[in-house]
Amino acid sequence: HLQYFGVQNNLDMSETAGSLLATSDVLQNIHNLSSDQLNIGNETQIDALQVGLKVGKNFLFAGNSTNIGIDFTLDNDLVSFIKNGMANGNGELDLNYSGNFDALGIRFQMINSTYFGLQRLLFKEKLRVGASYHLNNYIAGASLAANTFSLTSTENPTTGMNSLVLDYDFNLATAGVFIAGAPLDSLNQLSPDAMLPVSILNSGDISGLINYATSGNQSNGTFGFGLTFSPIKQIDLQLSMSGLGASDLTFTSDLGKSIAGSASVDGFSYSSASGDTLASGVSSTIADYT
């Protein structure tokens, strides 16, 4: 038996699909939820290689798999702002706006497991007994949480225009994700070039990439046991246990950063010149504040 590749995926949400897809307007459906945030979790297991060999009444097997988990917390106030801007759900605009989006967050982890085991047939092949050993490695993990993420609009009595202020303060903790010593003090530095696996891939070091994906800074070993009894062909009785002898694989960051800043726009005006287009005018105005 030889299997090269297989994928299993599991998606969890804090709300039902019926609530999120009640109408074709998904943003409005999220806005209408009774909770202040929406949690979405996705777990993907990738079986890179599975090998099995039958020797007499024994079946030997081995394989390697990677589990990737991502949890995302979406602030429902942010969804409302994306859909309605500074207007409320009824479309009423209030330029003295205050939006607080600090429930936003994302978490990620990747764990690799190499396993091997033995299954034996007994009692005229009516009973199958098996045992396995798993070596689990914590490859990478990350957590990005918002302490402050807000947008405020207030009227400036001096200019008669509104002042927009965006404040953000995120805590970033990672393990095995970014290159050691990478400068990550602002949002624009969170680029793929600063990520360790991307750097290894760009260098063409395939063996280094395989080593990265199969070894980590933490590991544990677990045992599994199972049996299947088939008194007749139509009935299978099964018992299995896994994770025996496990110790915790905990997230321990090798990089921690506070990414904070503030940006403000205190109103603007624009006068067109001959030959200007709307696009050039908007581009010029935006360039003044970026």
C-alpha atoms as a PDB file:
ATOM      1  CA  HIS A   1       0.000   0.000   0.000  1.00  0.00           C
ATOM      2  CA  LEU A   2       1.382   3.410  -0.988  1.00  0.00           C
ATOM      3  CA  GLN A   3      -0.380   6.757  -0.782  1.00  0.00           C
ATOM      4  CA  TYR A   4       1.454   9.899  -1.809  1.00  0.00           C
ATOM      5  CA  PHE A   5      -0.899  12.670  -0.819  1.00  0.00           C
ATOM      6  CA  GLY A   6      -4.177  13.246   0.997  1.00  0.00           C
ATOM      7  CA  VAL A   7      -5.988  16.215   2.533  1.00  0.00           C
ATOM      8  CA  GLN A   8      -8.669  16.466   5.201  1.00  0.00           C
ATOM      9  CA  ASN A   9     -10.246  19.773   6.177  1.00  0.00           C
ATOM     10  CA  ASN A  10     -12.488  20.822   9.060  1.00  0.00           C
ATOM     11  CA  LEU A  11     -14.128  24.261   9.356  1.00  0.00           C
ATOM     12  CA  ASP A  12     -15.706  25.539  12.585  1.00  0.00           C
ATOM     13  CA  MET A  13     -17.658  28.758  13.130  1.00  0.00           C
ATOM     14  CA  SER A  14     -19.214  30.372  16.186  1.00  0.00           C
ATOM     15  CA  GLU A  15     -22.378  31.000  14.146  1.00  0.00           C
ATOM     16  CA  THR A  16     -24.452  28.673  12.015  1.00  0.00           C
ATOM     17  CA  ALA A  17     -24.213  28.692   8.238  1.00  0.00           C
ATOM     18  CA  GLY A  18     -27.926  29.503   8.217  1.00  0.00           C
ATOM     19  CA  SER A  19     -27.258  32.771  10.074  1.00  0.00           C
ATOM     20  CA  LEU A  20     -24.343  33.790   7.862  1.00  0.00           C
ATOM     21  CA  LEU A  21     -26.101  32.866   4.610  1.00  0.00           C
ATOM     22  CA  ALA A  22     -29.624  33.943   5.547  1.00  0.00           C
ATOM     23  CA  THR A  23     -29.584  36.348   2.582  1.00  0.00           C
ATOM     24  CA  SER A  24     -27.207  36.973  -0.310  1.00  0.00           C
ATOM     25  CA  ASP A  25     -25.793  39.989   1.593  1.00  0.00           C
ATOM     26  CA  VAL A  26     -23.240  38.219   3.818  1.00  0.00           C
ATOM     27  CA  LEU A  27     -21.893  41.464   5.353  1.00  0.00           C
ATOM     28  CA  GLN A  28     -25.409  42.462   6.404  1.00  0.00           C
ATOM     29  CA  ASN A  29     -25.983  39.003   7.844  1.00  0.00           C
ATOM     30  CA  ILE A  30     -22.849  39.345   9.991  1.00  0.00           C
ATOM     31  CA  HIS A  31     -23.937  42.865  10.999  1.00  0.00           C
ATOM     32  CA  ASN A  32     -27.285  41.434  12.167  1.00  0.00           C
ATOM     33  CA  LEU A  33     -25.704  38.826  14.465  1.00  0.00           C
ATOM     34  CA  SER A  34     -26.434  39.189  18.171  1.00  0.00           C
ATOM     35  CA  SER A  35     -22.777  38.603  19.132  1.00  0.00           C
ATOM     36  CA  ASP A  36     -20.045  41.249  18.899  1.00  0.00           C
ATOM     37  CA  GLN A  37     -17.610  39.019  17.041  1.00  0.00           C
ATOM     38  CA  LEU A  38     -17.441  36.098  14.658  1.00  0.00           C
ATOM     39  CA  ASN A  39     -14.956  33.281  15.274  1.00  0.00           C
ATOM     40  CA  ILE A  40     -13.846  31.083  12.400  1.00  0.00           C
ATOM     41  CA  GLY A  41     -11.472  28.152  12.807  1.00  0.00           C
ATOM     42  CA  ASN A  42     -10.030  25.966  10.081  1.00  0.00           C
ATOM     43  CA  GLU A  43      -7.942  22.819  10.532  1.00  0.00           C
ATOM     44  CA  THR A  44      -6.267  21.104   7.595  1.00  0.00           C
ATOM     45  CA  GLN A  45      -4.434  17.782   7.802  1.00  0.00           C
ATOM     46  CA  ILE A  46      -2.083  17.010   4.937  1.00  0.00           C
ATOM     47  CA  ASP A  47      -0.913  13.406   4.638  1.00  0.00           C
ATOM     48  CA  ALA A  48       2.281  13.720   2.624  1.00  0.00           C
ATOM     49  CA  LEU A  49       3.147  10.016   2.545  1.00  0.00           C
ATOM     50  CA  GLN A  50       1.636   6.773   3.778  1.00  0.00           C
ATOM     51  CA  VAL A  51       3.314   3.397   3.280  1.00  0.00           C
ATOM     52  CA  GLY A  52       1.987  -0.033   4.226  1.00  0.00           C
ATOM     53  CA  LEU A  53       3.504  -3.492   3.846  1.00  0.00           C
ATOM     54  CA  LYS A  54       1.888  -6.844   4.617  1.00  0.00           C
ATOM     55  CA  VAL A  55       4.214  -9.575   5.857  1.00  0.00           C
ATOM     56  CA  GLY A  56       2.342 -12.779   6.629  1.00  0.00           C
ATOM     57  CA  LYS A  57      -0.242 -11.930   9.271  1.00  0.00           C
ATOM     58  CA  ASN A  58       1.493  -8.654  10.078  1.00  0.00           C
ATOM     59  CA  PHE A  59       0.845  -5.275   8.507  1.00  0.00           C
ATOM     60  CA  LEU A  60       3.562  -2.640   8.888  1.00  0.00           C
ATOM     61  CA  PHE A  61       2.729   0.992   8.201  1.00  0.00           C
ATOM     62  CA  ALA A  62       4.403   4.407   8.405  1.00  0.00           C
ATOM     63  CA  GLY A  63       3.643   7.934   7.293  1.00  0.00           C
ATOM     64  CA  ASN A  64       4.048  11.647   7.722  1.00  0.00           C
ATOM     65  CA  SER A  65       1.335  14.270   8.125  1.00  0.00           C
ATOM     66  CA  THR A  66       1.117  17.987   8.844  1.00  0.00           C
ATOM     67  CA  ASN A  67      -1.693  19.681  10.725  1.00  0.00           C
ATOM     68  CA  ILE A  68      -2.291  23.393  10.038  1.00  0.00           C
ATOM     69  CA  GLY A  69      -4.732  25.308  12.224  1.00  0.00           C
ATOM     70  CA  ILE A  70      -5.934  28.893  11.741  1.00  0.00           C
ATOM     71  CA  ASP A  71      -8.354  30.752  14.023  1.00  0.00           C
ATOM     72  CA  PHE A  72      -9.711  34.142  13.016  1.00  0.00           C
ATOM     73  CA  THR A  73     -11.743  36.541  15.165  1.00  0.00           C
ATOM     74  CA  LEU A  74     -13.637  39.173  13.202  1.00  0.00           C
ATOM     75  CA  ASP A  75     -14.963  42.243  14.997  1.00  0.00           C
ATOM     76  CA  ASN A  76     -18.553  42.790  13.870  1.00  0.00           C
ATOM     77  CA  ASP A  77     -18.157  46.579  14.197  1.00  0.00           C
ATOM     78  CA  LEU A  78     -15.458  46.375  11.525  1.00  0.00           C
ATOM     79  CA  VAL A  79     -17.854  44.473   9.256  1.00  0.00           C
ATOM     80  CA  SER A  80     -20.452  47.191   9.774  1.00  0.00           C
ATOM     81  CA  PHE A  81     -17.897  49.875   8.880  1.00  0.00           C
ATOM     82  CA  ILE A  82     -16.853  48.003   5.730  1.00  0.00           C
ATOM     83  CA  LYS A  83     -20.487  47.756   4.649  1.00  0.00           C
ATOM     84  CA  ASN A  84     -21.962  51.075   5.833  1.00  0.00           C
ATOM     85  CA  GLY A  85     -18.989  53.377   6.401  1.00  0.00           C
ATOM     86  CA  MET A  86     -19.899  56.016   8.997  1.00  0.00           C
ATOM     87  CA  ALA A  87     -23.614  55.425   8.492  1.00  0.00           C
ATOM     88  CA  ASN A  88     -25.725  53.282  10.765  1.00  0.00           C
ATOM     89  CA  GLY A  89     -27.741  50.289   9.639  1.00  0.00           C
ATOM     90  CA  ASN A  90     -30.525  52.599   8.449  1.00  0.00           C
ATOM     91  CA  GLY A  91     -28.165  54.572   6.206  1.00  0.00           C
ATOM     92  CA  GLU A  92     -28.096  57.646   8.462  1.00  0.00           C
ATOM     93  CA  LEU A  93     -24.671  59.306   8.205  1.00  0.00           C
ATOM     94  CA  ASP A  94     -22.974  60.687  11.333  1.00  0.00           C
ATOM     95  CA  LEU A  95     -19.579  62.236  10.627  1.00  0.00           C
ATOM     96  CA  ASN A  96     -18.842  62.360  14.368  1.00  0.00           C
ATOM     97  CA  TYR A  97     -18.034  58.668  14.199  1.00  0.00           C
ATOM     98  CA  SER A  98     -16.244  56.383  16.623  1.00  0.00           C
ATOM     99  CA  GLY A  99     -15.451  52.816  15.628  1.00  0.00           C
ATOM    100  CA  ASN A 100     -13.739  50.319  17.927  1.00  0.00           C
ATOM    101  CA  PHE A 101     -12.477  47.176  16.200  1.00  0.00           C
ATOM    102  CA  ASP A 102     -10.160  45.745  18.874  1.00  0.00           C
ATOM    103  CA  ALA A 103     -11.735  42.269  18.955  1.00  0.00           C
ATOM    104  CA  LEU A 104      -9.839  41.536  15.728  1.00  0.00           C
ATOM    105  CA  GLY A 105      -7.292  38.743  16.011  1.00  0.00           C
ATOM    106  CA  ILE A 106      -5.716  35.771  14.251  1.00  0.00           C
ATOM    107  CA  ARG A 107      -3.888  32.663  15.489  1.00  0.00           C
ATOM    108  CA  PHE A 108      -1.943  30.056  13.532  1.00  0.00           C
ATOM    109  CA  GLN A 109      -0.063  26.847  14.268  1.00  0.00           C
ATOM    110  CA  MET A 110       1.567  24.044  12.294  1.00  0.00           C
ATOM    111  CA  ILE A 111       2.411  20.625  13.755  1.00  0.00           C
ATOM    112  CA  ASN A 112       4.132  17.794  11.893  1.00  0.00           C
ATOM    113  CA  SER A 113       3.781  14.143  12.843  1.00  0.00           C
ATOM    114  CA  THR A 114       5.840  11.143  11.741  1.00  0.00           C
ATOM    115  CA  TYR A 115       4.384   7.786  12.712  1.00  0.00           C
ATOM    116  CA  PHE A 116       4.893   4.059  12.324  1.00  0.00           C
ATOM    117  CA  GLY A 117       3.092   1.017  13.629  1.00  0.00           C
ATOM    118  CA  LEU A 118       2.229  -2.651  13.448  1.00  0.00           C
ATOM    119  CA  GLN A 119      -1.076  -4.471  13.028  1.00  0.00           C
ATOM    120  CA  ARG A 120      -1.428  -8.237  13.482  1.00  0.00           C
ATOM    121  CA  LEU A 121      -4.204 -10.659  12.512  1.00  0.00           C
ATOM    122  CA  LEU A 122      -5.278 -13.207  15.148  1.00  0.00           C
ATOM    123  CA  PHE A 123      -7.903 -15.929  15.610  1.00  0.00           C
ATOM    124  CA  LYS A 124      -8.305 -16.835  11.948  1.00  0.00           C
ATOM    125  CA  GLU A 125      -8.200 -13.162  10.988  1.00  0.00           C
ATOM    126  CA  LYS A 126     -11.270 -12.314  13.075  1.00  0.00           C
ATOM    127  CA  LEU A 127      -9.240 -10.077  15.390  1.00  0.00           C
ATOM    128  CA  ARG A 128      -6.880  -7.310  14.322  1.00  0.00           C
ATOM    129  CA  VAL A 129      -4.660  -5.718  16.967  1.00  0.00           C
ATOM    130  CA  GLY A 130      -2.456  -2.725  16.255  1.00  0.00           C
ATOM    131  CA  ALA A 131      -0.144  -0.250  17.945  1.00  0.00           C
ATOM    132  CA  SER A 132       1.540   2.901  16.680  1.00  0.00           C
ATOM    133  CA  TYR A 133       4.031   5.563  17.737  1.00  0.00           C
ATOM    134  CA  HIS A 134       3.796   9.227  16.715  1.00  0.00           C
ATOM    135  CA  LEU A 135       6.629  11.765  16.900  1.00  0.00           C
ATOM    136  CA  ASN A 136       5.005  15.214  16.911  1.00  0.00           C
ATOM    137  CA  ASN A 137       6.956  18.409  16.189  1.00  0.00           C
ATOM    138  CA  TYR A 138       5.698  21.956  16.770  1.00  0.00           C
ATOM    139  CA  ILE A 139       6.901  23.690  13.597  1.00  0.00           C
ATOM    140  CA  ALA A 140       5.506  27.206  13.764  1.00  0.00           C
ATOM    141  CA  GLY A 141       2.882  29.345  15.440  1.00  0.00           C
ATOM    142  CA  ALA A 142       1.732  32.941  15.542  1.00  0.00           C
ATOM    143  CA  SER A 143      -0.731  35.154  17.353  1.00  0.00           C
ATOM    144  CA  LEU A 144      -1.768  38.666  16.342  1.00  0.00           C
ATOM    145  CA  ALA A 145      -4.129  40.423  18.764  1.00  0.00           C
ATOM    146  CA  ALA A 146      -5.379  43.990  18.778  1.00  0.00           C
ATOM    147  CA  ASN A 147      -5.059  46.010  21.967  1.00  0.00           C
ATOM    148  CA  THR A 148      -6.305  49.093  20.128  1.00  0.00           C
ATOM    149  CA  PHE A 149      -7.752  49.359  16.644  1.00  0.00           C
ATOM    150  CA  SER A 150     -10.066  52.315  16.202  1.00  0.00           C
ATOM    151  CA  LEU A 151     -11.183  55.010  13.794  1.00  0.00           C
ATOM    152  CA  THR A 152     -12.500  58.324  15.085  1.00  0.00           C
ATOM    153  CA  SER A 153     -13.998  61.222  13.159  1.00  0.00           C
ATOM    154  CA  THR A 154     -14.599  64.554  14.930  1.00  0.00           C
ATOM    155  CA  GLU A 155     -15.436  68.007  13.687  1.00  0.00           C
ATOM    156  CA  ASN A 156     -12.589  70.535  13.756  1.00  0.00           C
ATOM    157  CA  PRO A 157     -14.169  73.902  14.673  1.00  0.00           C
ATOM    158  CA  THR A 158     -11.139  75.791  13.348  1.00  0.00           C
ATOM    159  CA  THR A 159     -11.235  74.429   9.806  1.00  0.00           C
ATOM    160  CA  GLY A 160     -14.890  73.473   9.702  1.00  0.00           C
ATOM    161  CA  MET A 161     -13.847  70.048   8.438  1.00  0.00           C
ATOM    162  CA  ASN A 162     -13.688  66.693  10.141  1.00  0.00           C
ATOM    163  CA  SER A 163     -10.513  65.179  11.521  1.00  0.00           C
ATOM    164  CA  LEU A 164      -9.996  61.444  11.003  1.00  0.00           C
ATOM    165  CA  VAL A 165      -7.717  59.545  13.404  1.00  0.00           C
ATOM    166  CA  LEU A 166      -6.744  55.882  13.005  1.00  0.00           C
ATOM    167  CA  ASP A 167      -5.075  54.306  16.055  1.00  0.00           C
ATOM    168  CA  TYR A 168      -3.654  50.800  16.115  1.00  0.00           C
ATOM    169  CA  ASP A 169      -1.700  48.779  18.655  1.00  0.00           C
ATOM    170  CA  PHE A 170      -1.210  45.083  17.878  1.00  0.00           C
ATOM    171  CA  ASN A 171       0.694  42.457  19.841  1.00  0.00           C
ATOM    172  CA  LEU A 172       2.493  39.986  17.578  1.00  0.00           C
ATOM    173  CA  ALA A 173       4.056  36.785  18.923  1.00  0.00           C
ATOM    174  CA  THR A 174       5.520  34.133  16.633  1.00  0.00           C
ATOM    175  CA  ALA A 175       7.617  30.971  16.688  1.00  0.00           C
ATOM    176  CA  GLY A 176       9.339  29.657  13.575  1.00  0.00           C
ATOM    177  CA  VAL A 177       7.594  32.155  11.284  1.00  0.00           C
ATOM    178  CA  PHE A 178       9.894  35.144  10.772  1.00  0.00           C
ATOM    179  CA  ILE A 179      13.624  35.413  10.175  1.00  0.00           C
ATOM    180  CA  ALA A 180      15.545  36.026  13.391  1.00  0.00           C
ATOM    181  CA  GLY A 181      16.217  39.729  13.817  1.00  0.00           C
ATOM    182  CA  ALA A 182      13.683  40.802  11.181  1.00  0.00           C
ATOM    183  CA  PRO A 183      12.518  44.399  11.824  1.00  0.00           C
ATOM    184  CA  LEU A 184       8.777  44.242  12.479  1.00  0.00           C
ATOM    185  CA  ASP A 185       7.927  47.528  14.125  1.00  0.00           C
ATOM    186  CA  SER A 186       5.245  48.695  11.700  1.00  0.00           C
ATOM    187  CA  LEU A 187       2.526  47.107   9.592  1.00  0.00           C
ATOM    188  CA  ASN A 188       4.321  47.710   6.284  1.00  0.00           C
ATOM    189  CA  GLN A 189       7.208  45.482   7.456  1.00  0.00           C
ATOM    190  CA  LEU A 190       4.923  42.418   7.671  1.00  0.00           C
ATOM    191  CA  SER A 191       5.937  41.204   4.226  1.00  0.00           C
ATOM    192  CA  PRO A 192       6.475  37.659   2.885  1.00  0.00           C
ATOM    193  CA  ASP A 193      10.184  38.434   2.439  1.00  0.00           C
ATOM    194  CA  ALA A 194      10.564  38.546   6.231  1.00  0.00           C
ATOM    195  CA  MET A 195       9.106  35.051   6.656  1.00  0.00           C
ATOM    196  CA  LEU A 196      11.491  32.162   7.322  1.00  0.00           C
ATOM    197  CA  PRO A 197       9.948  29.506   4.985  1.00  0.00           C
ATOM    198  CA  VAL A 198       9.692  32.045   2.131  1.00  0.00           C
ATOM    199  CA  SER A 199      13.346  32.980   2.635  1.00  0.00           C
ATOM    200  CA  ILE A 200      14.394  29.307   2.515  1.00  0.00           C
ATOM    201  CA  LEU A 201      12.294  28.722  -0.609  1.00  0.00           C
ATOM    202  CA  ASN A 202      13.681  31.805  -2.371  1.00  0.00           C
ATOM    203  CA  SER A 203      17.217  30.578  -1.713  1.00  0.00           C
ATOM    204  CA  GLY A 204      16.425  27.291  -3.486  1.00  0.00           C
ATOM    205  CA  ASP A 205      17.303  25.219  -0.404  1.00  0.00           C
ATOM    206  CA  ILE A 206      14.782  22.385  -0.838  1.00  0.00           C
ATOM    207  CA  SER A 207      16.405  20.145   1.775  1.00  0.00           C
ATOM    208  CA  GLY A 208      16.344  23.067   4.210  1.00  0.00           C
ATOM    209  CA  LEU A 209      12.645  23.586   3.503  1.00  0.00           C
ATOM    210  CA  ILE A 210      11.906  19.896   4.138  1.00  0.00           C
ATOM    211  CA  ASN A 211      13.886  20.055   7.374  1.00  0.00           C
ATOM    212  CA  TYR A 212      11.949  23.175   8.417  1.00  0.00           C
ATOM    213  CA  ALA A 213       8.605  21.484   7.719  1.00  0.00           C
ATOM    214  CA  THR A 214       9.409  18.277   9.625  1.00  0.00           C
ATOM    215  CA  SER A 215      11.320  19.447  12.711  1.00  0.00           C
ATOM    216  CA  GLY A 216      10.493  22.037  15.323  1.00  0.00           C
ATOM    217  CA  ASN A 217      11.602  23.640  18.561  1.00  0.00           C
ATOM    218  CA  GLN A 218       9.306  21.354  20.583  1.00  0.00           C
ATOM    219  CA  SER A 219       8.391  17.711  20.218  1.00  0.00           C
ATOM    220  CA  ASN A 220       6.668  14.880  22.019  1.00  0.00           C
ATOM    221  CA  GLY A 221       6.005  11.213  21.459  1.00  0.00           C
ATOM    222  CA  THR A 222       2.615   9.524  21.739  1.00  0.00           C
ATOM    223  CA  PHE A 223       1.349   5.973  21.465  1.00  0.00           C
ATOM    224  CA  GLY A 224      -1.819   4.609  19.933  1.00  0.00           C
ATOM    225  CA  PHE A 225      -3.608   1.299  20.333  1.00  0.00           C
ATOM    226  CA  GLY A 226      -6.533  -0.257  18.499  1.00  0.00           C
ATOM    227  CA  LEU A 227      -8.351  -3.498  17.857  1.00  0.00           C
ATOM    228  CA  THR A 228     -11.096  -4.674  15.527  1.00  0.00           C
ATOM    229  CA  PHE A 229     -13.113  -7.843  16.159  1.00  0.00           C
ATOM    230  CA  SER A 230     -15.274  -9.320  13.390  1.00  0.00           C
ATOM    231  CA  PRO A 231     -17.339 -12.238  14.751  1.00  0.00           C
ATOM    232  CA  ILE A 232     -19.205 -12.391  11.430  1.00  0.00           C
ATOM    233  CA  LYS A 233     -18.659 -10.594   8.122  1.00  0.00           C
ATOM    234  CA  GLN A 234     -21.546  -8.175   8.719  1.00  0.00           C
ATOM    235  CA  ILE A 235     -20.311  -6.922  12.125  1.00  0.00           C
ATOM    236  CA  ASP A 236     -17.126  -5.076  13.128  1.00  0.00           C
ATOM    237  CA  LEU A 237     -16.469  -4.137  16.758  1.00  0.00           C
ATOM    238  CA  GLN A 238     -13.754  -1.527  17.171  1.00  0.00           C
ATOM    239  CA  LEU A 239     -11.828  -0.004  20.061  1.00  0.00           C
ATOM    240  CA  SER A 240      -9.035   2.536  19.732  1.00  0.00           C
ATOM    241  CA  MET A 241      -7.025   4.930  21.889  1.00  0.00           C
ATOM    242  CA  SER A 242      -4.581   7.596  20.752  1.00  0.00           C
ATOM    243  CA  GLY A 243      -2.380  10.262  22.296  1.00  0.00           C
ATOM    244  CA  LEU A 244      -1.248   7.986  25.119  1.00  0.00           C
ATOM    245  CA  GLY A 245       1.697   9.379  27.069  1.00  0.00           C
ATOM    246  CA  ALA A 246       1.370  12.816  25.483  1.00  0.00           C
ATOM    247  CA  SER A 247       2.948  15.943  26.900  1.00  0.00           C
ATOM    248  CA  ASP A 248       1.743  19.407  25.933  1.00  0.00           C
ATOM    249  CA  LEU A 249       3.083  21.169  22.862  1.00  0.00           C
ATOM    250  CA  THR A 250       2.726  24.786  23.952  1.00  0.00           C
ATOM    251  CA  PHE A 251       3.196  27.977  21.996  1.00  0.00           C
ATOM    252  CA  THR A 252       6.488  29.577  23.078  1.00  0.00           C
ATOM    253  CA  SER A 253       7.338  32.643  21.023  1.00  0.00           C
ATOM    254  CA  ASP A 254      10.820  33.385  19.723  1.00  0.00           C
ATOM    255  CA  LEU A 255       9.712  36.831  18.544  1.00  0.00           C
ATOM    256  CA  GLY A 256       7.403  39.306  20.244  1.00  0.00           C
ATOM    257  CA  LYS A 257       6.568  42.736  18.901  1.00  0.00           C
ATOM    258  CA  SER A 258       4.195  45.564  19.654  1.00  0.00           C
ATOM    259  CA  ILE A 259       3.125  47.132  16.373  1.00  0.00           C
ATOM    260  CA  ALA A 260       1.576  50.493  17.132  1.00  0.00           C
ATOM    261  CA  GLY A 261       0.954  53.758  15.388  1.00  0.00           C
ATOM    262  CA  SER A 262      -1.486  56.508  14.575  1.00  0.00           C
ATOM    263  CA  ALA A 263      -2.487  58.291  11.387  1.00  0.00           C
ATOM    264  CA  SER A 264      -4.619  61.392  11.051  1.00  0.00           C
ATOM    265  CA  VAL A 265      -6.190  63.356   8.218  1.00  0.00           C
ATOM    266  CA  ASP A 266      -7.396  66.819   9.211  1.00  0.00           C
ATOM    267  CA  GLY A 267      -9.659  67.469   6.225  1.00  0.00           C
ATOM    268  CA  PHE A 268      -8.554  68.522   2.738  1.00  0.00           C
ATOM    269  CA  SER A 269      -9.569  70.657  -0.212  1.00  0.00           C
ATOM    270  CA  TYR A 270      -8.755  70.420  -3.901  1.00  0.00           C
ATOM    271  CA  SER A 271      -8.900  72.822  -6.818  1.00  0.00           C
ATOM    272  CA  SER A 272      -8.694  71.391 -10.318  1.00  0.00           C
ATOM    273  CA  ALA A 273      -6.342  72.627 -12.989  1.00  0.00           C
ATOM    274  CA  SER A 274      -6.755  72.562 -16.743  1.00  0.00           C
ATOM    275  CA  GLY A 275      -6.373  69.027 -18.088  1.00  0.00           C
ATOM    276  CA  ASP A 276      -6.846  67.345 -14.697  1.00  0.00           C
ATOM    277  CA  THR A 277      -9.048  64.272 -14.462  1.00  0.00           C
ATOM    278  CA  LEU A 278     -10.934  63.043 -11.421  1.00  0.00           C
ATOM    279  CA  ALA A 279      -8.493  60.135 -11.101  1.00  0.00           C
ATOM    280  CA  SER A 280      -5.440  62.411 -11.082  1.00  0.00           C
ATOM    281  CA  GLY A 281      -7.072  64.700  -8.531  1.00  0.00           C
ATOM    282  CA  VAL A 282      -7.906  61.868  -6.150  1.00  0.00           C
ATOM    283  CA  SER A 283      -4.449  60.299  -6.586  1.00  0.00           C
ATOM    284  CA  SER A 284      -2.739  63.610  -5.847  1.00  0.00           C
ATOM    285  CA  THR A 285      -4.820  64.180  -2.736  1.00  0.00           C
ATOM    286  CA  ILE A 286      -4.204  60.687  -1.383  1.00  0.00           C
ATOM    287  CA  ALA A 287      -0.467  61.061  -2.040  1.00  0.00           C
ATOM    288  CA  ASP A 288      -0.396  64.092   0.271  1.00  0.00           C
ATOM    289  CA  TYR A 289      -1.427  61.910   3.203  1.00  0.00           C
ATOM    290  CA  THR A 290       0.605  58.758   2.530  1.00  0.00           C
END
